[in-house]
Amino acid sequence: MNQNPSGNTLCPIFLKLENFRVLLVGSRLVALEKLQALLANAPATAIRVVALDFHEEFLSLAQTAQH
């Protein structure tokens, strides 16, 4: 029985990301949104980014956030 009429099967979770190392793949708009959220909510998180090329705005944000 599907109790969720929208069909959304995602489950929200809450993690203390400062306790983890995060791998962010890509640097386009979706990755930029994820990076912004990570920096705003868990600025002490260790983030590694893997991408073939880097979107200019992503690169700028990443460079200013280095610690």
PDB file of N, CA and C in Angstrom:
ATOM      1  N   MET A   1       0.844  -1.179   0.000  1.00  0.00           N
ATOM      2  CA  MET A   1       0.000   0.000   0.000  1.00  0.00           C
ATOM      3  C   MET A   1       0.889   1.242   0.000  1.00  0.00           C
ATOM      4  N   ASN A   2       0.701   2.119  -0.973  1.00  0.00           N
ATOM      5  CA  ASN A   2       1.465   3.365  -1.057  1.00  0.00           C
ATOM      6  C   ASN A   2       0.726   4.435  -0.267  1.00  0.00           C
ATOM      7  N   GLN A   3       1.298   4.844   0.865  1.00  0.00           N
ATOM      8  CA  GLN A   3       0.652   5.852   1.703  1.00  0.00           C
ATOM      9  C   GLN A   3       1.036   7.262   1.302  1.00  0.00           C
ATOM     10  N   ASN A   4       1.919   7.400   0.333  1.00  0.00           N
ATOM     11  CA  ASN A   4       2.361   8.706  -0.125  1.00  0.00           C
ATOM     12  C   ASN A   4       1.840   8.918  -1.542  1.00  0.00           C
ATOM     13  N   PRO A   5       0.777   9.697  -1.710  1.00  0.00           N
ATOM     14  CA  PRO A   5       0.178   9.852  -3.036  1.00  0.00           C
ATOM     15  C   PRO A   5       1.094  10.527  -4.058  1.00  0.00           C
ATOM     16  N   SER A   6       2.087  11.281  -3.612  1.00  0.00           N
ATOM     17  CA  SER A   6       2.984  11.954  -4.561  1.00  0.00           C
ATOM     18  C   SER A   6       4.000  10.991  -5.154  1.00  0.00           C
ATOM     19  N   GLY A   7       4.172   9.835  -4.536  1.00  0.00           N
ATOM     20  CA  GLY A   7       5.141   8.870  -5.023  1.00  0.00           C
ATOM     21  C   GLY A   7       6.559   9.165  -4.577  1.00  0.00           C
ATOM     22  N   ASN A   8       6.762  10.175  -3.762  1.00  0.00           N
ATOM     23  CA  ASN A   8       8.092  10.531  -3.279  1.00  0.00           C
ATOM     24  C   ASN A   8       8.542   9.493  -2.262  1.00  0.00           C
ATOM     25  N   THR A   9       9.610   8.787  -2.586  1.00  0.00           N
ATOM     26  CA  THR A   9      10.105   7.756  -1.677  1.00  0.00           C
ATOM     27  C   THR A   9      11.369   8.191  -0.938  1.00  0.00           C
ATOM     28  N   LEU A  10      11.677   9.472  -0.977  1.00  0.00           N
ATOM     29  CA  LEU A  10      12.860   9.981  -0.292  1.00  0.00           C
ATOM     30  C   LEU A  10      12.605  10.069   1.210  1.00  0.00           C
ATOM     31  N   CYS A  11      13.654   9.861   1.972  1.00  0.00           N
ATOM     32  CA  CYS A  11      13.572   9.943   3.419  1.00  0.00           C
ATOM     33  C   CYS A  11      14.555  11.004   3.905  1.00  0.00           C
ATOM     34  N   PRO A  12      14.063  12.097   4.503  1.00  0.00           N
ATOM     35  CA  PRO A  12      14.996  13.121   4.997  1.00  0.00           C
ATOM     36  C   PRO A  12      15.754  12.590   6.213  1.00  0.00           C
ATOM     37  N   ILE A  13      17.037  12.889   6.249  1.00  0.00           N
ATOM     38  CA  ILE A  13      17.867  12.499   7.384  1.00  0.00           C
ATOM     39  C   ILE A  13      18.661  13.709   7.857  1.00  0.00           C
ATOM     40  N   PHE A  14      19.094  13.660   9.076  1.00  0.00           N
ATOM     41  CA  PHE A  14      19.861  14.748   9.644  1.00  0.00           C
ATOM     42  C   PHE A  14      21.186  14.193  10.144  1.00  0.00           C
ATOM     43  N   LEU A  15      22.279  14.748   9.649  1.00  0.00           N
ATOM     44  CA  LEU A  15      23.613  14.281  10.008  1.00  0.00           C
ATOM     45  C   LEU A  15      24.463  15.442  10.488  1.00  0.00           C
ATOM     46  N   LYS A  16      25.341  15.183  11.417  1.00  0.00           N
ATOM     47  CA  LYS A  16      26.355  16.166  11.806  1.00  0.00           C
ATOM     48  C   LYS A  16      27.506  15.976  10.833  1.00  0.00           C
ATOM     49  N   LEU A  17      27.481  16.729   9.754  1.00  0.00           N
ATOM     50  CA  LEU A  17      28.446  16.521   8.682  1.00  0.00           C
ATOM     51  C   LEU A  17      29.874  16.832   9.092  1.00  0.00           C
ATOM     52  N   GLU A  18      30.049  17.570  10.160  1.00  0.00           N
ATOM     53  CA  GLU A  18      31.396  17.858  10.632  1.00  0.00           C
ATOM     54  C   GLU A  18      32.126  16.571  11.007  1.00  0.00           C
ATOM     55  N   ASN A  19      31.373  15.504  11.263  1.00  0.00           N
ATOM     56  CA  ASN A  19      31.955  14.216  11.650  1.00  0.00           C
ATOM     57  C   ASN A  19      32.286  13.338  10.437  1.00  0.00           C
ATOM     58  N   PHE A  20      32.024  13.836   9.229  1.00  0.00           N
ATOM     59  CA  PHE A  20      32.213  13.054   8.018  1.00  0.00           C
ATOM     60  C   PHE A  20      33.084  13.812   7.020  1.00  0.00           C
ATOM     61  N   ARG A  21      33.593  13.081   6.065  1.00  0.00           N
ATOM     62  CA  ARG A  21      34.214  13.696   4.893  1.00  0.00           C
ATOM     63  C   ARG A  21      33.204  13.571   3.762  1.00  0.00           C
ATOM     64  N   VAL A  22      32.934  14.664   3.072  1.00  0.00           N
ATOM     65  CA  VAL A  22      31.916  14.695   2.033  1.00  0.00           C
ATOM     66  C   VAL A  22      32.579  14.747   0.661  1.00  0.00           C
ATOM     67  N   LEU A  23      32.098  13.912  -0.246  1.00  0.00           N
ATOM     68  CA  LEU A  23      32.553  13.929  -1.632  1.00  0.00           C
ATOM     69  C   LEU A  23      31.464  14.572  -2.470  1.00  0.00           C
ATOM     70  N   LEU A  24      31.795  15.651  -3.142  1.00  0.00           N
ATOM     71  CA  LEU A  24      30.871  16.359  -4.009  1.00  0.00           C
ATOM     72  C   LEU A  24      31.355  16.158  -5.440  1.00  0.00           C
ATOM     73  N   VAL A  25      30.528  15.538  -6.268  1.00  0.00           N
ATOM     74  CA  VAL A  25      30.910  15.228  -7.645  1.00  0.00           C
ATOM     75  C   VAL A  25      30.260  16.234  -8.570  1.00  0.00           C
ATOM     76  N   GLY A  26      31.090  16.912  -9.365  1.00  0.00           N
ATOM     77  CA  GLY A  26      30.595  17.912 -10.306  1.00  0.00           C
ATOM     78  C   GLY A  26      30.803  19.314  -9.772  1.00  0.00           C
ATOM     79  N   SER A  27      30.568  20.300 -10.644  1.00  0.00           N
ATOM     80  CA  SER A  27      30.712  21.697 -10.214  1.00  0.00           C
ATOM     81  C   SER A  27      29.731  22.603 -10.933  1.00  0.00           C
ATOM     82  N   ARG A  28      28.713  22.028 -11.516  1.00  0.00           N
ATOM     83  CA  ARG A  28      27.705  22.843 -12.203  1.00  0.00           C
ATOM     84  C   ARG A  28      26.662  23.330 -11.208  1.00  0.00           C
ATOM     85  N   LEU A  29      25.503  23.719 -11.670  1.00  0.00           N
ATOM     86  CA  LEU A  29      24.530  24.402 -10.826  1.00  0.00           C
ATOM     87  C   LEU A  29      24.024  23.560  -9.655  1.00  0.00           C
ATOM     88  N   VAL A  30      23.743  22.281  -9.864  1.00  0.00           N
ATOM     89  CA  VAL A  30      23.273  21.450  -8.754  1.00  0.00           C
ATOM     90  C   VAL A  30      24.368  21.304  -7.703  1.00  0.00           C
ATOM     91  N   ALA A  31      25.598  21.068  -8.145  1.00  0.00           N
ATOM     92  CA  ALA A  31      26.716  20.961  -7.207  1.00  0.00           C
ATOM     93  C   ALA A  31      26.947  22.285  -6.481  1.00  0.00           C
ATOM     94  N   LEU A  32      26.765  23.396  -7.178  1.00  0.00           N
ATOM     95  CA  LEU A  32      26.902  24.711  -6.549  1.00  0.00           C
ATOM     96  C   LEU A  32      25.872  24.873  -5.434  1.00  0.00           C
ATOM     97  N   GLU A  33      24.643  24.452  -5.679  1.00  0.00           N
ATOM     98  CA  GLU A  33      23.604  24.517  -4.649  1.00  0.00           C
ATOM     99  C   GLU A  33      23.980  23.657  -3.448  1.00  0.00           C
ATOM    100  N   LYS A  34      24.519  22.466  -3.715  1.00  0.00           N
ATOM    101  CA  LYS A  34      24.922  21.574  -2.624  1.00  0.00           C
ATOM    102  C   LYS A  34      26.077  22.184  -1.831  1.00  0.00           C
ATOM    103  N   LEU A  35      27.044  22.767  -2.530  1.00  0.00           N
ATOM    104  CA  LEU A  35      28.171  23.398  -1.849  1.00  0.00           C
ATOM    105  C   LEU A  35      27.702  24.565  -0.990  1.00  0.00           C
ATOM    106  N   GLN A  36      26.817  25.379  -1.510  1.00  0.00           N
ATOM    107  CA  GLN A  36      26.278  26.503  -0.739  1.00  0.00           C
ATOM    108  C   GLN A  36      25.583  26.006   0.521  1.00  0.00           C
ATOM    109  N   ALA A  37      24.792  24.944   0.397  1.00  0.00           N
ATOM    110  CA  ALA A  37      24.082  24.389   1.557  1.00  0.00           C
ATOM    111  C   ALA A  37      25.059  23.811   2.573  1.00  0.00           C
ATOM    112  N   LEU A  38      26.072  23.103   2.099  1.00  0.00           N
ATOM    113  CA  LEU A  38      27.068  22.546   3.009  1.00  0.00           C
ATOM    114  C   LEU A  38      27.804  23.640   3.768  1.00  0.00           C
ATOM    115  N   LEU A  39      28.220  24.675   3.071  1.00  0.00           N
ATOM    116  CA  LEU A  39      28.964  25.757   3.715  1.00  0.00           C
ATOM    117  C   LEU A  39      28.096  26.547   4.686  1.00  0.00           C
ATOM    118  N   ALA A  40      26.818  26.696   4.368  1.00  0.00           N
ATOM    119  CA  ALA A  40      25.918  27.442   5.242  1.00  0.00           C
ATOM    120  C   ALA A  40      25.546  26.648   6.496  1.00  0.00           C
ATOM    121  N   ASN A  41      25.365  25.335   6.346  1.00  0.00           N
ATOM    122  CA  ASN A  41      24.858  24.517   7.446  1.00  0.00           C
ATOM    123  C   ASN A  41      25.933  23.777   8.229  1.00  0.00           C
ATOM    124  N   ALA A  42      27.057  23.512   7.600  1.00  0.00           N
ATOM    125  CA  ALA A  42      28.115  22.752   8.266  1.00  0.00           C
ATOM    126  C   ALA A  42      29.476  23.223   7.755  1.00  0.00           C
ATOM    127  N   PRO A  43      29.844  24.457   8.069  1.00  0.00           N
ATOM    128  CA  PRO A  43      31.066  25.035   7.498  1.00  0.00           C
ATOM    129  C   PRO A  43      32.360  24.321   7.866  1.00  0.00           C
ATOM    130  N   ALA A  44      32.358  23.515   8.925  1.00  0.00           N
ATOM    131  CA  ALA A  44      33.583  22.822   9.324  1.00  0.00           C
ATOM    132  C   ALA A  44      33.741  21.465   8.631  1.00  0.00           C
ATOM    133  N   THR A  45      32.819  21.115   7.769  1.00  0.00           N
ATOM    134  CA  THR A  45      32.869  19.831   7.075  1.00  0.00           C
ATOM    135  C   THR A  45      34.021  19.782   6.081  1.00  0.00           C
ATOM    136  N   ALA A  46      34.714  18.659   6.054  1.00  0.00           N
ATOM    137  CA  ALA A  46      35.776  18.437   5.062  1.00  0.00           C
ATOM    138  C   ALA A  46      35.106  18.019   3.755  1.00  0.00           C
ATOM    139  N   ILE A  47      35.296  18.830   2.711  1.00  0.00           N
ATOM    140  CA  ILE A  47      34.636  18.579   1.423  1.00  0.00           C
ATOM    141  C   ILE A  47      35.702  18.355   0.358  1.00  0.00           C
ATOM    142  N   ARG A  48      35.557  17.276  -0.382  1.00  0.00           N
ATOM    143  CA  ARG A  48      36.409  17.017  -1.538  1.00  0.00           C
ATOM    144  C   ARG A  48      35.522  17.111  -2.771  1.00  0.00           C
ATOM    145  N   VAL A  49      36.019  17.809  -3.788  1.00  0.00           N
ATOM    146  CA  VAL A  49      35.253  17.995  -5.024  1.00  0.00           C
ATOM    147  C   VAL A  49      35.989  17.308  -6.165  1.00  0.00           C
ATOM    148  N   VAL A  50      35.240  16.536  -6.947  1.00  0.00           N
ATOM    149  CA  VAL A  50      35.773  15.883  -8.132  1.00  0.00           C
ATOM    150  C   VAL A  50      34.933  16.352  -9.313  1.00  0.00           C
ATOM    151  N   ALA A  51      35.591  16.940 -10.312  1.00  0.00           N
ATOM    152  CA  ALA A  51      34.875  17.429 -11.484  1.00  0.00           C
ATOM    153  C   ALA A  51      35.822  17.484 -12.668  1.00  0.00           C
ATOM    154  N   LEU A  52      35.275  17.343 -13.852  1.00  0.00           N
ATOM    155  CA  LEU A  52      36.088  17.440 -15.063  1.00  0.00           C
ATOM    156  C   LEU A  52      36.511  18.876 -15.329  1.00  0.00           C
ATOM    157  N   ASP A  53      35.618  19.800 -15.031  1.00  0.00           N
ATOM    158  CA  ASP A  53      35.928  21.224 -15.144  1.00  0.00           C
ATOM    159  C   ASP A  53      35.133  21.940 -14.064  1.00  0.00           C
ATOM    160  N   PHE A  54      35.466  23.193 -13.825  1.00  0.00           N
ATOM    161  CA  PHE A  54      34.832  23.907 -12.724  1.00  0.00           C
ATOM    162  C   PHE A  54      34.082  25.133 -13.220  1.00  0.00           C
ATOM    163  N   HIS A  55      32.812  25.207 -12.837  1.00  0.00           N
ATOM    164  CA  HIS A  55      31.970  26.361 -13.114  1.00  0.00           C
ATOM    165  C   HIS A  55      32.579  27.554 -12.385  1.00  0.00           C
ATOM    166  N   GLU A  56      32.626  28.696 -13.009  1.00  0.00           N
ATOM    167  CA  GLU A  56      33.310  29.867 -12.445  1.00  0.00           C
ATOM    168  C   GLU A  56      32.774  30.257 -11.068  1.00  0.00           C
ATOM    169  N   GLU A  57      31.454  30.278 -10.915  1.00  0.00           N
ATOM    170  CA  GLU A  57      30.861  30.664  -9.633  1.00  0.00           C
ATOM    171  C   GLU A  57      31.177  29.626  -8.549  1.00  0.00           C
ATOM    172  N   PHE A  58      31.177  28.355  -8.923  1.00  0.00           N
ATOM    173  CA  PHE A  58      31.525  27.282  -7.984  1.00  0.00           C
ATOM    174  C   PHE A  58      32.959  27.454  -7.505  1.00  0.00           C
ATOM    175  N   LEU A  59      33.857  27.671  -8.439  1.00  0.00           N
ATOM    176  CA  LEU A  59      35.277  27.831  -8.112  1.00  0.00           C
ATOM    177  C   LEU A  59      35.502  29.027  -7.195  1.00  0.00           C
ATOM    178  N   SER A  60      34.822  30.123  -7.475  1.00  0.00           N
ATOM    179  CA  SER A  60      34.948  31.314  -6.658  1.00  0.00           C
ATOM    180  C   SER A  60      34.487  31.061  -5.221  1.00  0.00           C
ATOM    181  N   LEU A  61      33.342  30.403  -5.073  1.00  0.00           N
ATOM    182  CA  LEU A  61      32.829  30.100  -3.745  1.00  0.00           C
ATOM    183  C   LEU A  61      33.763  29.148  -3.009  1.00  0.00           C
ATOM    184  N   ALA A  62      34.235  28.123  -3.693  1.00  0.00           N
ATOM    185  CA  ALA A  62      35.129  27.151  -3.071  1.00  0.00           C
ATOM    186  C   ALA A  62      36.425  27.806  -2.604  1.00  0.00           C
ATOM    187  N   GLN A  63      36.960  28.700  -3.401  1.00  0.00           N
ATOM    188  CA  GLN A  63      38.215  29.361  -3.038  1.00  0.00           C
ATOM    189  C   GLN A  63      38.043  30.281  -1.832  1.00  0.00           C
ATOM    190  N   THR A  64      36.926  30.966  -1.727  1.00  0.00           N
ATOM    191  CA  THR A  64      36.714  31.866  -0.589  1.00  0.00           C
ATOM    192  C   THR A  64      36.391  31.095   0.681  1.00  0.00           C
ATOM    193  N   ALA A  65      35.939  29.850   0.549  1.00  0.00           N
ATOM    194  CA  ALA A  65      35.545  29.060   1.723  1.00  0.00           C
ATOM    195  C   ALA A  65      36.650  28.164   2.236  1.00  0.00           C
ATOM    196  N   GLN A  66      37.791  28.126   1.588  1.00  0.00           N
ATOM    197  CA  GLN A  66      38.877  27.250   2.032  1.00  0.00           C
ATOM    198  C   GLN A  66      39.308  27.618   3.443  1.00  0.00           C
ATOM    199  N   HIS A  67      39.539  26.583   4.235  1.00  0.00           N
ATOM    200  CA  HIS A  67      39.996  26.813   5.623  1.00  0.00           C
ATOM    201  C   HIS A  67      41.054  25.838   5.983  1.00  0.00           C
TER     202      HIS A  67
END
